[in-house]
C-alpha cells in the first residue's frame, strides 16, 4: 500500500511538472480511473483535452483514442502509456480496404464509428459515436450508408433508420462474446435489476435489455434512475465508476468474460513510466489528421439530442 501511495504521489508530481492532464476511459482499471483528472468515453475525453491548457495529454485508453486526441489537439503532446494497447475492432478495417469497398457503393455515404484508426476516419465522410450513430445516419442526404467497422452497431442503427445500411464485418470481441445465455443467467440471479446494454452487443442481447446506451449514457441513466439494481452488458471496467458514483445502488456485469485486455494494459507503473520518460508519443501525419478532423467536425456540427 505504501508503494502504491508513493507511485501516485510521484505521478501527481510529474503531472504538475509536465503540465499534463491524465485522461482515463471508463473501461480502464479502477486505480487508473482514480488518479485521472477526467474519465469518460473516447470522444468526450478527446474533446475535454482540447479545453485544457495542459501541454501534455496522457491518454489512458487504447491507440485510436490517443490518435483522436492528437487529431483534435495537434499542438499538444499526446502520450499513450502502453503502446501495445490497441483495439481489435479498429484493426478489422484498413484505409486501403475501405477505399476498395467504397468503389462498390459510389452513391453511399461513409459513416465511421470513432472506434477506428485516424487513416480510416480520413477516408470517411463523417464519424459517429455509439450514442449519436442513429442521429448521424438520419442527418445524411444519402439513402445508402457504408457503416464501419462495427457490424453490431450497424445493425442497431439499421433497425432505427429507413436508410440502407451496408455494414462492415467487424466487431468488438469483448461485447460480441456477451451471449443470450449470459443475459438469461444474470436476469435469473437478479430479477429486480434493470438491464443496460451497449449497442456494440449482438442484436439478441440488445433484445433482452431494458435500455441501450453508450457508456456515458449508462452512467447518466444510473445516476438519475430510481432503480437500485442494474445488470450492465458492456466491458466490466465501467462498474468501478458506476459504483463510485452511486454508492446506494448495486451493479452486476452481464458476463464475467466482458473484460478487454487492451483496456487493462495500463497500470500505475506504466502511467508513471510514461510521465517519467515522456513515452509513448502518439502523432498523426498532418494530411491524415486534417481529413480525419473534418469527419469528426461534421459529426460535432450535428446537434446531439440523445
Protein backbone atom coordinates (compact mmCIF):
# COMPACT_ATOMS: atom_id res chain seq x y z
CA UNK A 1 0.00 0.00 0.00
CA UNK A 2 2.87 2.35 0.85
CA UNK A 3 4.45 1.71 -2.57
CA UNK A 4 1.16 2.48 -4.29
CA UNK A 5 0.87 5.77 -2.40
CA UNK A 6 4.42 6.69 -3.39
CA UNK A 7 3.68 5.85 -7.02
CA UNK A 8 0.56 8.02 -7.01
CA UNK A 9 2.45 10.87 -5.34
CA UNK A 10 5.16 10.69 -7.99
CA UNK A 11 2.57 10.59 -10.78
CA UNK A 12 0.99 13.75 -9.41
CA UNK A 13 4.37 15.44 -9.06
CA UNK A 14 5.30 14.66 -12.65
CA UNK A 15 1.85 15.65 -13.88
CA UNK A 16 2.32 19.15 -12.48
CA UNK A 17 5.94 19.30 -13.63
CA UNK A 18 4.97 18.39 -17.21
CA UNK A 19 1.78 20.49 -17.16
CA UNK A 20 -0.04 17.30 -18.09
CA UNK A 21 -3.63 16.16 -17.87
CA UNK A 22 -4.47 12.48 -17.34
CA UNK A 23 -7.49 11.07 -19.16
CA UNK A 24 -8.93 7.62 -18.46
CA UNK A 25 -11.57 5.71 -20.36
CA UNK A 26 -14.50 4.22 -18.46
CA UNK A 27 -13.13 0.72 -19.10
CA UNK A 28 -9.69 1.32 -17.57
CA UNK A 29 -8.52 -0.24 -14.30
CA UNK A 30 -10.10 1.33 -11.23
CA UNK A 31 -6.72 2.55 -9.97
CA UNK A 32 -6.17 4.42 -13.25
CA UNK A 33 -9.64 5.98 -13.20
CA UNK A 34 -9.00 7.16 -9.64
CA UNK A 35 -5.79 9.05 -10.48
CA UNK A 36 -7.15 10.54 -13.71
CA UNK A 37 -8.21 14.16 -13.99
CA UNK A 38 -11.10 13.16 -16.24
CA UNK A 39 -12.86 9.90 -17.02
CA UNK A 40 -15.33 9.28 -19.82
CA UNK A 41 -15.80 7.86 -23.30
CA UNK A 42 -13.17 8.17 -26.00
CA UNK A 43 -14.51 11.17 -27.90
CA UNK A 44 -15.65 13.02 -24.79
CA UNK A 45 -12.16 12.74 -23.34
CA UNK A 46 -10.55 14.00 -26.54
CA UNK A 47 -12.89 16.98 -26.51
CA UNK A 48 -12.01 17.54 -22.85
CA UNK A 49 -8.34 17.57 -23.81
CA UNK A 50 -8.96 20.40 -26.28
CA UNK A 51 -10.38 22.55 -23.49
CA UNK A 52 -7.42 22.05 -21.15
CA UNK A 53 -4.42 24.38 -21.05
CA UNK A 54 -2.13 21.41 -20.50
CA UNK A 55 0.91 20.87 -22.70
CA UNK A 56 0.76 17.09 -22.35
CA UNK A 57 -2.21 14.73 -22.65
CA UNK A 58 -1.69 11.30 -21.08
CA UNK A 59 -4.43 9.15 -22.58
CA UNK A 60 -5.12 6.01 -20.58
CA UNK A 61 -7.07 4.07 -23.16
CA UNK A 62 -6.21 2.43 -26.45
CA UNK A 63 -4.34 3.59 -29.54
CA UNK A 64 -7.21 5.02 -31.58
CA UNK A 65 -8.30 7.12 -28.60
CA UNK A 66 -4.88 8.72 -28.27
CA UNK A 67 -4.99 9.33 -32.02
CA UNK A 68 -8.31 11.15 -31.66
CA UNK A 69 -6.76 13.39 -29.02
CA UNK A 70 -3.85 14.08 -31.37
CA UNK A 71 -6.27 14.88 -34.21
CA UNK A 72 -8.17 17.42 -32.12
CA UNK A 73 -5.15 18.81 -30.21
CA UNK A 74 -2.26 18.84 -32.72
CA UNK A 75 -0.16 21.32 -30.76
CA UNK A 76 -0.15 19.22 -27.59
CA UNK A 77 1.99 16.18 -26.83
CA UNK A 78 -0.19 13.06 -26.57
CA UNK A 79 1.16 10.08 -24.63
CA UNK A 80 -0.17 6.52 -24.59
CA UNK A 81 1.37 4.73 -21.56
CA UNK A 82 1.25 1.29 -23.19
CA UNK A 83 2.00 1.31 -26.90
CA UNK A 84 0.56 -2.18 -27.43
CA UNK A 85 -2.87 -1.16 -26.07
CA UNK A 86 -4.82 -1.48 -29.29
CA UNK A 87 -8.38 -2.22 -30.37
CA UNK A 88 -9.17 -5.47 -32.22
CA UNK A 89 -12.26 -3.90 -33.82
CA UNK A 90 -10.31 -0.90 -35.10
CA UNK A 91 -7.79 -3.33 -36.59
CA UNK A 92 -10.54 -5.08 -38.57
CA UNK A 93 -10.60 -2.30 -41.17
CA UNK A 94 -7.79 -0.54 -43.03
CA UNK A 95 -7.79 2.57 -45.17
CA UNK A 96 -6.87 0.52 -48.24
CA UNK A 97 -9.71 -1.95 -47.74
CA UNK A 98 -12.06 0.99 -47.18
CA UNK A 99 -11.10 2.58 -50.48
CA UNK A 100 -11.82 -0.67 -52.30
CA UNK A 101 -15.20 -1.09 -50.58
CA UNK A 102 -16.20 2.50 -51.36
CA UNK A 103 -15.78 1.73 -55.07
CA UNK A 104 -18.60 -0.85 -54.79
CA UNK A 105 -21.02 1.72 -53.38
CA UNK A 106 -20.24 5.05 -55.09
CA UNK A 107 -23.56 6.59 -54.01
CA UNK A 108 -23.20 5.67 -50.33
CA UNK A 109 -22.11 7.97 -47.54
CA UNK A 110 -19.36 6.53 -45.38
CA UNK A 111 -20.04 6.68 -41.65
CA UNK A 112 -17.15 5.73 -39.43
CA UNK A 113 -17.51 4.75 -35.78
CA UNK A 114 -14.96 6.71 -33.70
CA UNK A 115 -13.51 3.34 -32.61
CA UNK A 116 -11.27 3.34 -35.68
CA UNK A 117 -7.84 4.50 -36.79
CA UNK A 118 -7.05 8.00 -37.99
CA UNK A 119 -6.45 6.66 -41.50
CA UNK A 120 -9.94 5.13 -41.62
CA UNK A 121 -11.51 8.31 -40.27
CA UNK A 122 -9.71 10.21 -43.03
CA UNK A 123 -11.40 8.00 -45.65
CA UNK A 124 -14.87 8.62 -44.17
CA UNK A 125 -17.48 11.30 -44.78
CA UNK A 126 -18.49 11.61 -41.14
CA UNK A 127 -17.81 9.98 -37.80
CA UNK A 128 -20.26 8.82 -35.16
CA UNK A 129 -20.27 7.58 -31.58
CA UNK A 130 -22.36 4.79 -30.11
CA UNK A 131 -24.58 7.49 -28.59
CA UNK A 132 -25.24 9.51 -31.75
CA UNK A 133 -24.91 6.89 -34.53
CA UNK A 134 -28.64 6.89 -35.34
CA UNK A 135 -28.78 10.67 -35.34
CA UNK A 136 -25.73 10.97 -37.58
CA UNK A 137 -27.08 8.47 -40.12
CA UNK A 138 -30.52 10.09 -40.20
CA UNK A 139 -28.94 13.51 -40.78
CA UNK A 140 -27.44 12.44 -44.10
CA UNK A 141 -28.95 13.14 -47.51
CA UNK A 142 -27.74 9.84 -48.95
CA UNK A 143 -30.07 6.84 -48.81
CA UNK A 144 -27.22 4.33 -48.64
CA UNK A 145 -24.68 4.26 -45.83
CA UNK A 146 -21.48 2.24 -45.66
CA UNK A 147 -21.02 1.82 -41.90
CA UNK A 148 -17.62 0.83 -40.49
CA UNK A 149 -16.25 -1.03 -38.65
CA UNK A 150 -18.80 -2.47 -36.18
CA UNK A 151 -21.47 -4.75 -37.65
CA UNK A 152 -23.40 -4.86 -34.36
CA UNK A 153 -23.66 -1.09 -34.08
CA UNK A 154 -24.54 -1.00 -37.79
CA UNK A 155 -27.35 -3.48 -37.18
CA UNK A 156 -28.65 -1.40 -34.27
CA UNK A 157 -28.68 1.69 -36.50
CA UNK A 158 -30.34 -0.22 -39.35
CA UNK A 159 -33.27 -1.01 -37.07
CA UNK A 160 -33.71 2.68 -36.33
CA UNK A 161 -33.50 4.23 -39.78
CA UNK A 162 -35.15 3.96 -43.19
CA UNK A 163 -31.78 4.18 -44.92
CA UNK A 164 -29.99 1.15 -46.32
CA UNK A 165 -27.09 0.29 -44.04
CA UNK A 166 -24.16 -1.60 -45.54
CA UNK A 167 -22.21 -3.00 -42.57
CA UNK A 168 -18.52 -3.70 -42.40
CA UNK A 169 -17.86 -7.15 -40.98
CA UNK A 170 -16.06 -6.04 -37.83
CA UNK A 171 -16.96 -6.32 -34.17
CA UNK A 172 -15.73 -5.75 -30.62
CA UNK A 173 -14.68 -9.19 -29.30
CA UNK A 174 -15.45 -8.17 -25.71
CA UNK A 175 -19.03 -7.10 -26.43
CA UNK A 176 -19.61 -9.79 -29.03
CA UNK A 177 -18.92 -12.57 -26.51
CA UNK A 178 -21.72 -11.44 -24.22
CA UNK A 179 -24.32 -14.08 -25.03
CA UNK A 180 -28.04 -14.65 -24.58
CA UNK A 181 -27.22 -17.34 -22.05
CA UNK A 182 -25.31 -14.73 -20.02
CA UNK A 183 -28.29 -12.40 -20.06
CA UNK A 184 -30.73 -15.11 -19.00
CA UNK A 185 -28.41 -16.20 -16.19
CA UNK A 186 -27.95 -12.61 -14.98
CA UNK A 187 -31.68 -11.87 -15.05
CA UNK A 188 -32.40 -15.03 -13.10
CA UNK A 189 -29.80 -14.12 -10.48
CA UNK A 190 -31.00 -10.50 -10.21
CA UNK A 191 -34.72 -10.42 -11.12
CA UNK A 192 -35.24 -6.86 -9.84
CA UNK A 193 -32.37 -5.36 -11.82
CA UNK A 194 -32.74 -3.17 -14.89
CA UNK A 195 -30.62 -4.32 -17.82
CA UNK A 196 -28.45 -1.76 -19.62
CA UNK A 197 -26.68 -2.85 -22.81
CA UNK A 198 -24.14 -1.24 -25.10
CA UNK A 199 -25.04 -1.18 -28.83
CA UNK A 200 -21.79 -2.98 -29.66
CA UNK A 201 -23.52 -6.11 -28.30
CA UNK A 202 -25.23 -8.67 -30.50
CA UNK A 203 -28.83 -8.00 -31.59
CA UNK A 204 -30.22 -10.86 -29.50
CA UNK A 205 -28.51 -9.44 -26.41
CA UNK A 206 -29.91 -5.97 -27.08
CA UNK A 207 -33.37 -7.52 -27.44
CA UNK A 208 -33.10 -8.84 -23.89
CA UNK A 209 -32.09 -5.48 -22.42
CA UNK A 210 -34.30 -2.75 -20.97
CA UNK A 211 -32.20 0.19 -22.19
CA UNK A 212 -29.50 0.61 -24.81
CA UNK A 213 -26.84 3.20 -24.01
CA UNK A 214 -23.27 4.28 -24.64
CA UNK A 215 -21.02 4.19 -21.58
CA UNK A 216 -21.78 7.84 -20.87
CA UNK A 217 -25.49 7.12 -21.32
CA UNK A 218 -25.28 4.26 -18.82
CA UNK A 219 -23.59 6.48 -16.25
CA UNK A 220 -26.14 9.25 -16.73
CA UNK A 221 -29.12 6.86 -16.59
CA UNK A 222 -27.91 5.06 -13.48
CA UNK A 223 -27.43 8.38 -11.72
CA UNK A 224 -30.92 9.69 -12.38
CA UNK A 225 -32.88 6.43 -12.21
CA UNK A 226 -34.85 5.44 -9.11
CA UNK A 227 -33.88 1.81 -9.80
CA UNK A 228 -31.47 0.35 -7.24
CA UNK A 229 -30.05 -2.61 -9.18
CA UNK A 230 -28.60 -2.85 -12.68
CA UNK A 231 -27.22 -5.56 -14.92
CA UNK A 232 -24.65 -3.99 -17.24
CA UNK A 233 -23.85 -5.53 -20.63
CA UNK A 234 -20.58 -3.87 -21.52
CA UNK A 235 -16.91 -4.05 -20.50
CA UNK A 236 -16.63 -4.63 -16.75
CA UNK A 237 -14.40 -1.63 -16.11
CA UNK A 238 -17.40 0.67 -16.09
CA UNK A 239 -18.63 -0.94 -12.86
CA UNK A 240 -15.93 0.95 -10.95
CA UNK A 241 -17.33 4.36 -11.81
CA UNK A 242 -20.95 3.23 -11.60
CA UNK A 243 -20.39 2.00 -8.05
CA UNK A 244 -18.29 5.03 -7.12
CA UNK A 245 -20.91 7.49 -8.36
CA UNK A 246 -23.89 5.56 -6.97
CA UNK A 247 -22.99 4.17 -3.51
CA UNK A 248 -26.59 3.22 -2.70
CA UNK A 249 -27.05 1.09 -5.82
CA UNK A 250 -25.86 -2.33 -6.99
CA UNK A 251 -24.34 -3.16 -10.36
CA UNK A 252 -23.72 -6.58 -11.88
CA UNK A 253 -21.77 -7.45 -15.01
CA UNK A 254 -23.79 -9.39 -17.58
CA UNK A 255 -20.78 -11.63 -18.16
CA UNK A 256 -17.64 -12.48 -16.19
CA UNK A 257 -15.83 -12.57 -19.54
CA UNK A 258 -16.62 -8.98 -20.53
CA UNK A 259 -13.04 -7.86 -19.99
CA UNK A 260 -10.96 -6.11 -22.64
CA UNK A 261 -7.26 -6.99 -22.13
CA UNK A 262 -6.19 -3.90 -24.07
CA UNK A 263 -8.17 -1.65 -21.73
CA UNK A 264 -6.44 -3.30 -18.78
CA UNK A 265 -2.93 -2.94 -20.22
CA UNK A 266 -2.19 0.30 -18.39
CA UNK A 267 -1.42 0.16 -14.68
CA UNK A 268 0.05 2.73 -12.28
CA UNK A 269 3.62 1.70 -13.05
CA UNK A 270 3.06 2.15 -16.79
CA UNK A 271 1.46 5.54 -16.20
CA UNK A 272 4.38 6.64 -14.03
CA UNK A 273 6.94 5.46 -16.57
CA UNK A 274 5.08 7.29 -19.33
CA UNK A 275 5.34 10.57 -17.42
CA UNK A 276 8.96 9.97 -16.43
CA UNK A 277 10.17 9.15 -19.93
CA UNK A 278 7.53 11.07 -21.90
CA UNK A 279 6.55 7.87 -23.71
CA UNK A 280 4.87 6.86 -25.97
CA UNK A 281 4.16 9.90 -28.15
CA UNK A 282 1.20 9.43 -30.50
CA UNK A 283 1.08 11.64 -33.58
CA UNK A 284 -0.89 11.66 -36.81
CA UNK A 285 0.53 12.79 -40.19
CA UNK A 286 -0.85 16.21 -40.99
CA UNK A 287 -2.58 15.24 -44.24
CA UNK A 288 -4.35 12.37 -42.47
CA UNK A 289 -5.10 14.49 -39.40
CA UNK A 290 -6.80 17.23 -41.43
CA UNK A 291 -9.08 14.80 -43.27
CA UNK A 292 -9.86 12.82 -40.13
CA UNK A 293 -10.68 16.01 -38.25
CA UNK A 294 -13.09 17.01 -40.99
CA UNK A 295 -15.06 13.78 -40.45
CA UNK A 296 -15.11 14.45 -36.70
CA UNK A 297 -16.07 18.10 -37.16
CA UNK A 298 -19.01 17.14 -39.37
CA UNK A 299 -20.28 14.91 -36.59
CA UNK A 300 -19.78 17.55 -33.91
CA UNK A 301 -21.74 20.03 -36.01
CA UNK A 302 -24.86 17.89 -35.60
CA UNK A 303 -26.84 18.80 -32.51
CA UNK A 304 -26.77 15.87 -30.10
CA UNK A 305 -30.27 15.15 -28.87
CA UNK A 306 -29.84 11.67 -27.37
